[in-house]
Every structure is written in structure tokens, then in C-alpha cells.
């Protein structure tokens, strides 16, 4: 369901055209549900540093920057630069970014990890203005009931999902306080 109108869509670029082609986005992009926030100073700094580091390392390995960013070392370089700008968030070293063999070895060692990428939603306190289609609220309630049936959230076992389960306060609690994210 598209939430952004045609007049705003004309002002947006596809992510592939709006930013440097890197393993990670260097600014928020839109799924066409909302207008993205402008690129922050820190995001801009990540883009600049990553472009410079990518060019330098790609040259040392005799490949294009684009090809470098498609490697495990390119991904490591992205994490390394984000650590420089945002602080130590990722377990990565400069050597991993500069040495393809080290990056490949680490990627091989981590490849069997399960990654669960979920697209999440919450309802505003008064969902009527934002969600005028009752089927959409019903669809979110159905998804919530499936989480219960599959046993993904043991706290829901034995009770019926309620609309309040889908509102911001509960969303915040589940995502930021109760989960391992």
C-alpha cells in the first residue's frame, strides 16, 4: 500500500541512484510508506569516509571500488567506518577491511548464524485516521495471532491478541526492552 502521494514521489530517487553504492545505506531510504529524513551529518561523514577507504583499498587490490564493496572486506570496511563515526558498535578490525582473506575467514565462520529480519508496524493510539481500512488492522491482528500460535512470543500464550498489543507503547516495550535486538 503506497502512502506517499505522486507529488512527493516525483521528488524522490531510488536508493541505487541517491547514494554511493556501498554494502550499507548511508542515509535513510523510504519503502514508500513515509518520506525519508534528510541525510544527517554523521551519515554524510560515513559516506565520505567509506568512499575514500573503499577507493584506497580497492586500488590496493587492483579492483574497482564497486567490486570491493561486493566483498566481505567491503562489508568489514563499512562496519569499520561506522565504528569511527558512531563509536564501537561492531566487532571488526582495520585488518579485516584491508585483508580479504581475513574477512572471508570471518564470514565463513559466521555464515551459519540465523538472521531474522522482520518488518515491524505499530498502530497510533487512534488508528482510524492512519488506518482507515479495517482489513489492514485485521491483518495485523491476524499476524499477531500467528506469532502466538507459532510460539514465537511465550508471553502471548493462552490469551487472545488485543488491539493494544499493536500500539506504540507495547511495540516499544517488545522491540527495545523485551527482545534481543
N, C-alpha and C. Protein backbone atom coordinates (compact mmCIF):
# COMPACT_ATOMS: atom_id res chain seq x y z
N UNK A 1 0.84 -1.17 0.00
CA UNK A 1 0.00 0.00 0.00
C UNK A 1 0.90 1.24 0.00
N UNK A 2 0.72 2.10 -0.95
CA UNK A 2 1.54 3.31 -1.06
C UNK A 2 0.92 4.43 -0.23
N UNK A 3 1.75 5.05 0.62
CA UNK A 3 1.29 6.14 1.47
C UNK A 3 1.76 7.50 0.97
N UNK A 4 2.83 7.52 0.17
CA UNK A 4 3.37 8.78 -0.34
C UNK A 4 2.65 9.10 -1.64
N UNK A 5 2.18 10.33 -1.75
CA UNK A 5 1.46 10.76 -2.94
C UNK A 5 2.37 10.98 -4.13
N UNK A 6 1.80 11.06 -5.33
CA UNK A 6 2.58 11.24 -6.56
C UNK A 6 3.44 12.51 -6.56
N UNK A 7 2.94 13.59 -5.94
CA UNK A 7 3.72 14.83 -5.93
C UNK A 7 5.02 14.66 -5.13
N UNK A 8 4.99 13.87 -4.06
CA UNK A 8 6.20 13.62 -3.29
C UNK A 8 7.08 12.55 -3.95
N UNK A 9 6.46 11.59 -4.60
CA UNK A 9 7.24 10.54 -5.26
C UNK A 9 8.15 11.15 -6.33
N UNK A 10 7.69 12.20 -6.98
CA UNK A 10 8.49 12.85 -8.01
C UNK A 10 9.76 13.49 -7.45
N UNK A 11 9.80 13.76 -6.15
CA UNK A 11 10.95 14.39 -5.51
C UNK A 11 11.96 13.37 -5.00
N UNK A 12 11.63 12.08 -5.07
CA UNK A 12 12.49 11.03 -4.53
C UNK A 12 13.27 10.32 -5.62
N UNK A 13 14.42 9.78 -5.25
CA UNK A 13 15.22 8.97 -6.15
C UNK A 13 15.27 7.54 -5.62
N UNK A 14 15.41 6.56 -6.50
CA UNK A 14 15.64 5.20 -6.00
C UNK A 14 16.95 5.16 -5.20
N UNK A 15 17.02 4.30 -4.19
CA UNK A 15 18.20 4.21 -3.32
C UNK A 15 19.46 4.00 -4.14
N UNK A 16 19.38 3.23 -5.22
CA UNK A 16 20.56 2.94 -6.04
C UNK A 16 21.12 4.20 -6.69
N UNK A 17 20.27 5.21 -6.88
CA UNK A 17 20.72 6.44 -7.53
C UNK A 17 21.01 7.56 -6.52
N UNK A 18 20.44 7.46 -5.34
CA UNK A 18 20.52 8.56 -4.38
C UNK A 18 21.82 8.57 -3.59
N UNK A 19 22.47 7.42 -3.45
CA UNK A 19 23.66 7.35 -2.60
C UNK A 19 24.77 6.56 -3.28
N UNK A 20 25.94 6.65 -2.68
CA UNK A 20 27.09 5.85 -3.10
C UNK A 20 26.73 4.37 -2.98
N UNK A 21 27.09 3.56 -3.95
CA UNK A 21 26.79 2.12 -3.91
C UNK A 21 27.72 1.44 -2.91
N UNK A 22 27.25 1.28 -1.68
CA UNK A 22 28.02 0.65 -0.61
C UNK A 22 27.24 -0.53 -0.05
N UNK A 23 27.90 -1.38 0.74
CA UNK A 23 27.19 -2.53 1.31
C UNK A 23 26.09 -2.13 2.30
N UNK A 24 26.19 -0.95 2.85
CA UNK A 24 25.19 -0.46 3.81
C UNK A 24 24.67 0.89 3.32
N UNK A 25 23.41 1.20 3.61
CA UNK A 25 22.92 2.53 3.21
C UNK A 25 23.58 3.60 4.07
N UNK A 26 23.85 4.73 3.48
CA UNK A 26 24.47 5.83 4.23
C UNK A 26 23.46 6.94 4.50
N UNK A 27 22.21 6.64 4.29
CA UNK A 27 21.13 7.53 4.68
C UNK A 27 19.84 6.72 4.71
N UNK A 28 18.85 7.24 5.38
CA UNK A 28 17.56 6.55 5.45
C UNK A 28 16.90 6.61 4.09
N UNK A 29 16.34 5.50 3.67
CA UNK A 29 15.59 5.45 2.43
C UNK A 29 14.15 5.10 2.78
N UNK A 30 13.26 5.25 1.84
CA UNK A 30 11.84 5.03 2.09
C UNK A 30 11.36 3.75 1.41
N UNK A 31 10.39 3.11 2.04
CA UNK A 31 9.74 1.97 1.42
C UNK A 31 8.47 2.43 0.73
N UNK A 32 8.30 3.67 0.55
CA UNK A 32 7.18 4.42 0.00
C UNK A 32 6.00 4.50 0.95
N UNK A 33 6.25 4.22 2.24
CA UNK A 33 5.23 4.42 3.26
C UNK A 33 5.36 5.79 3.90
N UNK A 34 6.54 6.37 3.84
CA UNK A 34 6.79 7.64 4.50
C UNK A 34 7.92 8.35 3.77
N UNK A 35 8.01 9.66 3.96
CA UNK A 35 9.13 10.42 3.38
C UNK A 35 10.36 10.20 4.26
N UNK A 36 11.49 9.88 3.67
CA UNK A 36 12.69 9.66 4.49
C UNK A 36 13.23 10.97 5.06
N UNK A 37 13.88 10.85 6.21
CA UNK A 37 14.55 12.02 6.81
C UNK A 37 15.76 12.37 5.96
N UNK A 38 16.15 13.64 5.94
CA UNK A 38 17.36 14.02 5.20
C UNK A 38 18.59 13.33 5.78
N UNK A 39 19.62 13.19 4.99
CA UNK A 39 20.86 12.58 5.46
C UNK A 39 21.46 13.44 6.57
N UNK A 40 21.83 12.80 7.68
CA UNK A 40 22.42 13.53 8.81
C UNK A 40 23.90 13.80 8.54
N UNK A 41 24.49 14.66 9.37
CA UNK A 41 25.93 14.95 9.24
C UNK A 41 26.75 13.68 9.44
N UNK A 42 26.38 12.86 10.43
CA UNK A 42 27.12 11.62 10.66
C UNK A 42 26.98 10.66 9.48
N UNK A 43 25.79 10.55 8.93
CA UNK A 43 25.60 9.69 7.76
C UNK A 43 26.42 10.19 6.58
N UNK A 44 26.47 11.50 6.42
CA UNK A 44 27.27 12.09 5.35
C UNK A 44 28.75 11.78 5.57
N UNK A 45 29.20 11.86 6.83
CA UNK A 45 30.59 11.55 7.15
C UNK A 45 30.90 10.08 6.87
N UNK A 46 29.97 9.18 7.21
CA UNK A 46 30.17 7.76 6.90
C UNK A 46 30.32 7.59 5.39
N UNK A 47 29.47 8.23 4.61
CA UNK A 47 29.52 8.10 3.15
C UNK A 47 30.86 8.58 2.60
N UNK A 48 31.34 9.73 3.08
CA UNK A 48 32.61 10.28 2.60
C UNK A 48 33.76 9.35 2.97
N UNK A 49 33.84 8.99 4.26
CA UNK A 49 34.93 8.12 4.71
C UNK A 49 34.90 6.77 4.02
N UNK A 50 33.72 6.22 3.86
CA UNK A 50 33.60 4.91 3.22
C UNK A 50 34.00 4.99 1.76
N UNK A 51 33.62 6.06 1.08
CA UNK A 51 34.04 6.23 -0.30
C UNK A 51 35.54 6.31 -0.43
N UNK A 52 36.17 7.07 0.47
CA UNK A 52 37.64 7.23 0.45
C UNK A 52 38.34 5.91 0.78
N UNK A 53 37.90 5.23 1.84
CA UNK A 53 38.52 3.97 2.24
C UNK A 53 38.30 2.90 1.17
N UNK A 54 37.10 2.86 0.62
CA UNK A 54 36.80 1.89 -0.43
C UNK A 54 37.68 2.09 -1.65
N UNK A 55 37.87 3.33 -2.05
CA UNK A 55 38.73 3.62 -3.20
C UNK A 55 40.17 3.21 -2.92
N UNK A 56 40.66 3.53 -1.73
CA UNK A 56 42.04 3.21 -1.35
C UNK A 56 42.26 1.69 -1.33
N UNK A 57 41.38 0.96 -0.68
CA UNK A 57 41.56 -0.49 -0.57
C UNK A 57 41.32 -1.21 -1.89
N UNK A 58 40.35 -0.73 -2.66
CA UNK A 58 40.10 -1.33 -3.97
C UNK A 58 41.33 -1.18 -4.86
N UNK A 59 41.94 -0.01 -4.83
CA UNK A 59 43.14 0.24 -5.63
C UNK A 59 44.27 -0.70 -5.23
N UNK A 60 44.45 -0.90 -3.92
CA UNK A 60 45.49 -1.81 -3.44
C UNK A 60 45.28 -3.25 -3.91
N UNK A 61 44.04 -3.62 -4.11
CA UNK A 61 43.73 -4.99 -4.54
C UNK A 61 43.51 -5.09 -6.06
N UNK A 62 43.65 -3.98 -6.75
CA UNK A 62 43.53 -3.99 -8.20
C UNK A 62 42.12 -4.26 -8.71
N UNK A 63 41.12 -3.81 -7.94
CA UNK A 63 39.74 -3.98 -8.37
C UNK A 63 39.01 -2.64 -8.27
N UNK A 64 37.85 -2.57 -8.85
CA UNK A 64 37.07 -1.33 -8.77
C UNK A 64 36.50 -1.19 -7.36
N UNK A 65 36.16 0.03 -7.00
CA UNK A 65 35.53 0.27 -5.71
C UNK A 65 34.21 -0.48 -5.61
N UNK A 66 33.47 -0.48 -6.69
CA UNK A 66 32.18 -1.20 -6.71
C UNK A 66 32.40 -2.68 -6.42
N UNK A 67 33.41 -3.29 -7.05
CA UNK A 67 33.69 -4.71 -6.81
C UNK A 67 34.17 -4.93 -5.38
N UNK A 68 35.01 -4.02 -4.86
CA UNK A 68 35.48 -4.13 -3.49
C UNK A 68 34.30 -4.15 -2.52
N UNK A 69 33.33 -3.28 -2.74
CA UNK A 69 32.19 -3.22 -1.83
C UNK A 69 31.31 -4.47 -1.91
N UNK A 70 31.52 -5.31 -2.91
CA UNK A 70 30.77 -6.56 -3.02
C UNK A 70 31.45 -7.70 -2.27
N UNK A 71 32.59 -7.44 -1.66
CA UNK A 71 33.35 -8.48 -0.96
C UNK A 71 33.11 -8.40 0.55
N UNK A 72 33.55 -9.45 1.25
CA UNK A 72 33.47 -9.44 2.72
C UNK A 72 34.33 -8.31 3.29
N UNK A 73 35.46 -8.00 2.65
CA UNK A 73 36.28 -6.87 3.10
C UNK A 73 35.53 -5.55 2.93
N UNK A 74 34.76 -5.42 1.88
CA UNK A 74 33.95 -4.21 1.68
C UNK A 74 32.92 -4.05 2.78
N UNK A 75 32.31 -5.16 3.18
CA UNK A 75 31.35 -5.10 4.29
C UNK A 75 32.07 -4.74 5.58
N UNK A 76 33.24 -5.35 5.81
CA UNK A 76 34.02 -5.04 7.01
C UNK A 76 34.42 -3.57 7.02
N UNK A 77 34.78 -3.04 5.86
CA UNK A 77 35.14 -1.61 5.76
C UNK A 77 33.95 -0.74 6.17
N UNK A 78 32.76 -1.14 5.78
CA UNK A 78 31.55 -0.38 6.15
C UNK A 78 31.37 -0.35 7.66
N UNK A 79 31.51 -1.50 8.30
CA UNK A 79 31.39 -1.55 9.76
C UNK A 79 32.50 -0.77 10.43
N UNK A 80 33.70 -0.87 9.90
CA UNK A 80 34.86 -0.17 10.46
C UNK A 80 34.64 1.34 10.43
N UNK A 81 34.16 1.86 9.31
CA UNK A 81 33.91 3.29 9.18
C UNK A 81 32.77 3.72 10.11
N UNK A 82 31.71 2.90 10.20
CA UNK A 82 30.62 3.26 11.11
C UNK A 82 31.13 3.31 12.56
N UNK A 83 32.04 2.40 12.93
CA UNK A 83 32.64 2.45 14.27
C UNK A 83 33.39 3.76 14.49
N UNK A 84 34.08 4.24 13.46
CA UNK A 84 34.82 5.50 13.58
C UNK A 84 33.87 6.68 13.82
N UNK A 85 32.74 6.66 13.15
CA UNK A 85 31.81 7.80 13.22
C UNK A 85 30.86 7.69 14.40
N UNK A 86 30.28 6.52 14.62
CA UNK A 86 29.24 6.35 15.65
C UNK A 86 29.76 5.81 16.98
N UNK A 87 31.00 5.32 17.00
CA UNK A 87 31.53 4.67 18.19
C UNK A 87 31.56 3.17 17.98
N UNK A 88 32.17 2.43 18.90
CA UNK A 88 32.40 0.99 18.71
C UNK A 88 31.13 0.15 18.83
N UNK A 89 30.43 0.01 17.73
CA UNK A 89 29.20 -0.78 17.70
C UNK A 89 29.41 -2.19 17.14
N UNK A 90 30.40 -2.35 16.25
CA UNK A 90 30.58 -3.60 15.53
C UNK A 90 31.95 -4.20 15.82
N UNK A 91 32.01 -5.52 15.94
CA UNK A 91 33.27 -6.24 16.16
C UNK A 91 33.95 -6.43 14.82
N UNK A 92 34.83 -5.51 14.48
CA UNK A 92 35.53 -5.53 13.19
C UNK A 92 36.86 -4.82 13.36
N UNK A 93 37.84 -5.19 12.54
CA UNK A 93 39.15 -4.54 12.63
C UNK A 93 39.52 -3.93 11.28
N UNK A 94 40.49 -3.02 11.33
CA UNK A 94 41.01 -2.43 10.10
C UNK A 94 41.63 -3.53 9.23
N UNK A 95 42.26 -4.52 9.87
CA UNK A 95 42.88 -5.62 9.12
C UNK A 95 41.84 -6.41 8.34
N UNK A 96 40.68 -6.60 8.92
CA UNK A 96 39.61 -7.34 8.24
C UNK A 96 39.13 -6.58 7.00
N UNK A 97 39.08 -5.26 7.12
CA UNK A 97 38.67 -4.45 5.97
C UNK A 97 39.74 -4.46 4.88
N UNK A 98 41.01 -4.50 5.28
CA UNK A 98 42.11 -4.41 4.33
C UNK A 98 42.56 -5.75 3.78
N UNK A 99 42.19 -6.85 4.43
CA UNK A 99 42.71 -8.17 4.05
C UNK A 99 41.56 -9.10 3.69
N UNK A 100 41.33 -9.32 2.41
CA UNK A 100 40.21 -10.17 2.00
C UNK A 100 40.21 -11.56 2.65
N UNK A 101 41.37 -12.14 2.83
CA UNK A 101 41.43 -13.49 3.41
C UNK A 101 40.87 -13.49 4.85
N UNK A 102 41.20 -12.47 5.63
CA UNK A 102 40.68 -12.38 6.99
C UNK A 102 39.17 -12.18 6.98
N UNK A 103 38.69 -11.30 6.12
CA UNK A 103 37.26 -11.05 6.04
C UNK A 103 36.52 -12.29 5.57
N UNK A 104 37.07 -12.99 4.58
CA UNK A 104 36.44 -14.22 4.09
C UNK A 104 36.39 -15.29 5.17
N UNK A 105 37.48 -15.41 5.95
CA UNK A 105 37.54 -16.39 7.03
C UNK A 105 36.47 -16.08 8.09
N UNK A 106 36.33 -14.82 8.43
CA UNK A 106 35.32 -14.44 9.42
C UNK A 106 33.92 -14.69 8.88
N UNK A 107 33.67 -14.32 7.63
CA UNK A 107 32.36 -14.54 7.02
C UNK A 107 32.03 -16.03 6.99
N UNK A 108 33.00 -16.85 6.67
CA UNK A 108 32.81 -18.30 6.64
C UNK A 108 32.43 -18.81 8.03
N UNK A 109 33.09 -18.29 9.05
CA UNK A 109 32.82 -18.72 10.42
C UNK A 109 31.45 -18.30 10.94
N UNK A 110 30.89 -17.25 10.36
CA UNK A 110 29.60 -16.72 10.82
C UNK A 110 28.43 -17.10 9.92
N UNK A 111 28.70 -17.79 8.82
CA UNK A 111 27.65 -17.99 7.81
C UNK A 111 26.47 -18.82 8.27
N UNK A 112 26.63 -19.62 9.32
CA UNK A 112 25.50 -20.46 9.74
C UNK A 112 24.62 -19.78 10.79
N UNK A 113 24.93 -18.53 11.14
CA UNK A 113 24.08 -17.81 12.09
C UNK A 113 22.72 -17.54 11.48
N UNK A 114 21.67 -17.68 12.28
CA UNK A 114 20.34 -17.34 11.80
C UNK A 114 20.12 -15.83 11.92
N UNK A 115 19.61 -15.25 10.89
CA UNK A 115 19.27 -13.83 10.91
C UNK A 115 17.78 -13.74 10.61
N UNK A 116 17.05 -13.13 11.50
CA UNK A 116 15.61 -12.96 11.33
C UNK A 116 15.36 -11.49 11.12
N UNK A 117 14.98 -11.12 9.93
CA UNK A 117 14.75 -9.72 9.57
C UNK A 117 13.25 -9.52 9.48
N UNK A 118 12.69 -8.78 10.40
CA UNK A 118 11.24 -8.59 10.43
C UNK A 118 10.89 -7.13 10.16
N UNK A 119 9.90 -6.95 9.35
CA UNK A 119 9.36 -5.62 9.08
C UNK A 119 8.28 -5.39 10.12
N UNK A 120 8.43 -4.37 10.94
CA UNK A 120 7.50 -4.18 12.05
C UNK A 120 6.60 -2.97 11.82
N UNK A 121 5.46 -3.02 12.48
CA UNK A 121 4.50 -1.91 12.43
C UNK A 121 3.89 -1.72 13.81
N UNK A 122 3.41 -0.54 14.08
CA UNK A 122 2.57 -0.32 15.25
C UNK A 122 1.45 0.61 14.82
N UNK A 123 0.39 0.60 15.61
CA UNK A 123 -0.76 1.46 15.33
C UNK A 123 -0.71 2.70 16.22
N UNK A 124 -1.14 3.84 15.70
CA UNK A 124 -1.24 5.01 16.57
C UNK A 124 -2.37 4.79 17.59
N UNK A 125 -2.41 5.62 18.63
CA UNK A 125 -3.45 5.45 19.65
C UNK A 125 -4.84 5.48 19.05
N UNK A 126 -5.05 6.33 18.06
CA UNK A 126 -6.34 6.35 17.36
C UNK A 126 -6.06 5.88 15.94
N UNK A 127 -6.19 4.57 15.66
CA UNK A 127 -5.80 4.07 14.35
C UNK A 127 -6.70 4.51 13.20
N UNK A 128 -7.89 5.03 13.49
CA UNK A 128 -8.84 5.36 12.42
C UNK A 128 -8.26 6.30 11.37
N UNK A 129 -7.63 7.44 11.75
CA UNK A 129 -7.12 8.33 10.71
C UNK A 129 -5.98 7.70 9.89
N UNK A 130 -5.11 6.98 10.53
CA UNK A 130 -3.94 6.42 9.84
C UNK A 130 -4.27 5.12 9.11
N UNK A 131 -5.21 4.37 9.64
CA UNK A 131 -5.55 3.08 9.06
C UNK A 131 -7.05 3.04 8.84
N UNK A 132 -7.50 3.60 7.75
CA UNK A 132 -8.93 3.68 7.50
C UNK A 132 -9.49 2.35 7.00
N UNK A 133 -8.62 1.43 6.63
CA UNK A 133 -9.06 0.14 6.12
C UNK A 133 -9.10 -0.88 7.26
N UNK A 134 -10.31 -1.28 7.71
CA UNK A 134 -10.40 -2.25 8.82
C UNK A 134 -9.70 -3.57 8.49
N UNK A 135 -9.60 -3.90 7.21
CA UNK A 135 -8.93 -5.15 6.83
C UNK A 135 -7.45 -5.09 7.19
N UNK A 136 -6.86 -3.90 7.13
CA UNK A 136 -5.45 -3.77 7.47
C UNK A 136 -5.24 -4.02 8.96
N UNK A 137 -6.08 -3.43 9.80
CA UNK A 137 -5.98 -3.69 11.24
C UNK A 137 -6.23 -5.17 11.49
N UNK A 138 -7.21 -5.73 10.81
CA UNK A 138 -7.49 -7.16 10.94
C UNK A 138 -6.31 -8.01 10.51
N UNK A 139 -5.62 -7.58 9.48
CA UNK A 139 -4.43 -8.30 9.01
C UNK A 139 -3.32 -8.27 10.04
N UNK A 140 -3.14 -7.12 10.68
CA UNK A 140 -2.13 -7.02 11.73
C UNK A 140 -2.51 -7.89 12.92
N UNK A 141 -3.81 -7.93 13.25
CA UNK A 141 -4.26 -8.79 14.35
C UNK A 141 -4.05 -10.26 13.99
N UNK A 142 -4.29 -10.62 12.73
CA UNK A 142 -4.07 -12.00 12.30
C UNK A 142 -2.59 -12.36 12.44
N UNK A 143 -1.70 -11.45 12.02
CA UNK A 143 -0.27 -11.71 12.16
C UNK A 143 0.10 -11.89 13.63
N UNK A 144 -0.47 -11.08 14.49
CA UNK A 144 -0.19 -11.19 15.92
C UNK A 144 -0.64 -12.56 16.44
N UNK A 145 -1.80 -13.02 15.98
CA UNK A 145 -2.28 -14.33 16.44
C UNK A 145 -1.37 -15.46 15.93
N UNK A 146 -0.79 -15.28 14.76
CA UNK A 146 0.14 -16.29 14.23
C UNK A 146 1.41 -16.37 15.08
N UNK A 147 1.87 -15.23 15.55
CA UNK A 147 3.04 -15.20 16.45
C UNK A 147 2.74 -16.05 17.69
N UNK A 148 1.52 -15.92 18.20
CA UNK A 148 1.11 -16.71 19.37
C UNK A 148 1.07 -18.20 19.02
N UNK A 149 0.41 -18.53 17.92
CA UNK A 149 0.28 -19.94 17.53
C UNK A 149 1.63 -20.61 17.28
N UNK A 150 2.57 -19.86 16.72
CA UNK A 150 3.89 -20.42 16.42
C UNK A 150 4.80 -20.46 17.65
N UNK A 151 4.37 -19.85 18.73
CA UNK A 151 5.15 -19.87 19.96
C UNK A 151 6.34 -18.93 19.96
N UNK A 152 6.33 -17.93 19.07
CA UNK A 152 7.46 -17.00 18.98
C UNK A 152 7.52 -16.06 20.17
N UNK A 153 6.38 -15.79 20.78
CA UNK A 153 6.35 -14.93 21.96
C UNK A 153 5.58 -15.67 23.04
N UNK A 154 6.32 -16.27 23.97
CA UNK A 154 5.72 -17.09 25.02
C UNK A 154 4.79 -16.27 25.92
N UNK A 155 5.01 -14.96 26.01
CA UNK A 155 4.15 -14.11 26.85
C UNK A 155 2.72 -14.03 26.31
N UNK A 156 2.52 -14.37 25.04
CA UNK A 156 1.18 -14.30 24.46
C UNK A 156 0.40 -15.62 24.60
N UNK A 157 1.08 -16.66 25.03
CA UNK A 157 0.44 -17.97 25.13
C UNK A 157 -0.76 -17.91 26.06
N UNK A 158 -1.88 -18.44 25.57
CA UNK A 158 -3.09 -18.54 26.39
C UNK A 158 -3.95 -17.30 26.44
N UNK A 159 -3.65 -16.30 25.64
CA UNK A 159 -4.52 -15.12 25.64
C UNK A 159 -4.75 -14.65 24.21
N UNK A 160 -5.87 -14.03 24.01
CA UNK A 160 -6.22 -13.50 22.69
C UNK A 160 -5.48 -12.19 22.43
N UNK A 161 -4.97 -12.01 21.23
CA UNK A 161 -4.34 -10.71 20.91
C UNK A 161 -5.37 -9.58 21.00
N UNK A 162 -4.92 -8.40 21.41
CA UNK A 162 -5.78 -7.23 21.52
C UNK A 162 -5.18 -6.09 20.71
N UNK A 163 -5.99 -5.15 20.31
CA UNK A 163 -5.52 -4.02 19.52
C UNK A 163 -4.41 -3.27 20.28
N UNK A 164 -4.51 -3.20 21.61
CA UNK A 164 -3.45 -2.51 22.38
C UNK A 164 -2.09 -3.18 22.21
N UNK A 165 -2.08 -4.47 21.86
CA UNK A 165 -0.81 -5.16 21.59
C UNK A 165 -0.07 -4.52 20.42
N UNK A 166 -0.82 -3.86 19.55
CA UNK A 166 -0.24 -3.30 18.32
C UNK A 166 0.07 -1.81 18.41
N UNK A 167 -0.19 -1.22 19.55
CA UNK A 167 0.05 0.22 19.70
C UNK A 167 1.48 0.50 20.14
N UNK A 168 1.87 1.76 20.03
CA UNK A 168 3.27 2.16 20.20
C UNK A 168 3.88 1.72 21.53
N UNK A 169 3.19 1.92 22.64
CA UNK A 169 3.78 1.59 23.95
C UNK A 169 4.20 0.12 24.00
N UNK A 170 3.34 -0.78 23.52
CA UNK A 170 3.68 -2.20 23.53
C UNK A 170 4.76 -2.52 22.49
N UNK A 171 4.69 -1.87 21.33
CA UNK A 171 5.71 -2.04 20.30
C UNK A 171 7.08 -1.69 20.88
N UNK A 172 7.18 -0.52 21.52
CA UNK A 172 8.44 -0.08 22.11
C UNK A 172 8.93 -1.09 23.15
N UNK A 173 8.04 -1.54 24.02
CA UNK A 173 8.39 -2.50 25.06
C UNK A 173 8.94 -3.79 24.44
N UNK A 174 8.24 -4.30 23.44
CA UNK A 174 8.65 -5.58 22.85
C UNK A 174 9.95 -5.47 22.06
N UNK A 175 10.11 -4.42 21.29
CA UNK A 175 11.29 -4.30 20.44
C UNK A 175 12.52 -3.89 21.25
N UNK A 176 12.38 -2.88 22.09
CA UNK A 176 13.55 -2.31 22.75
C UNK A 176 13.81 -2.81 24.17
N UNK A 177 12.81 -3.35 24.82
CA UNK A 177 13.00 -3.80 26.20
C UNK A 177 12.98 -5.32 26.36
N UNK A 178 12.13 -5.99 25.59
CA UNK A 178 11.93 -7.43 25.79
C UNK A 178 12.67 -8.32 24.79
N UNK A 179 13.26 -7.76 23.76
CA UNK A 179 13.87 -8.61 22.73
C UNK A 179 15.39 -8.53 22.76
N UNK A 180 16.02 -9.36 21.96
CA UNK A 180 17.48 -9.39 21.86
C UNK A 180 17.99 -8.50 20.74
N UNK A 181 17.16 -7.64 20.17
CA UNK A 181 17.60 -6.80 19.06
C UNK A 181 18.54 -5.74 19.56
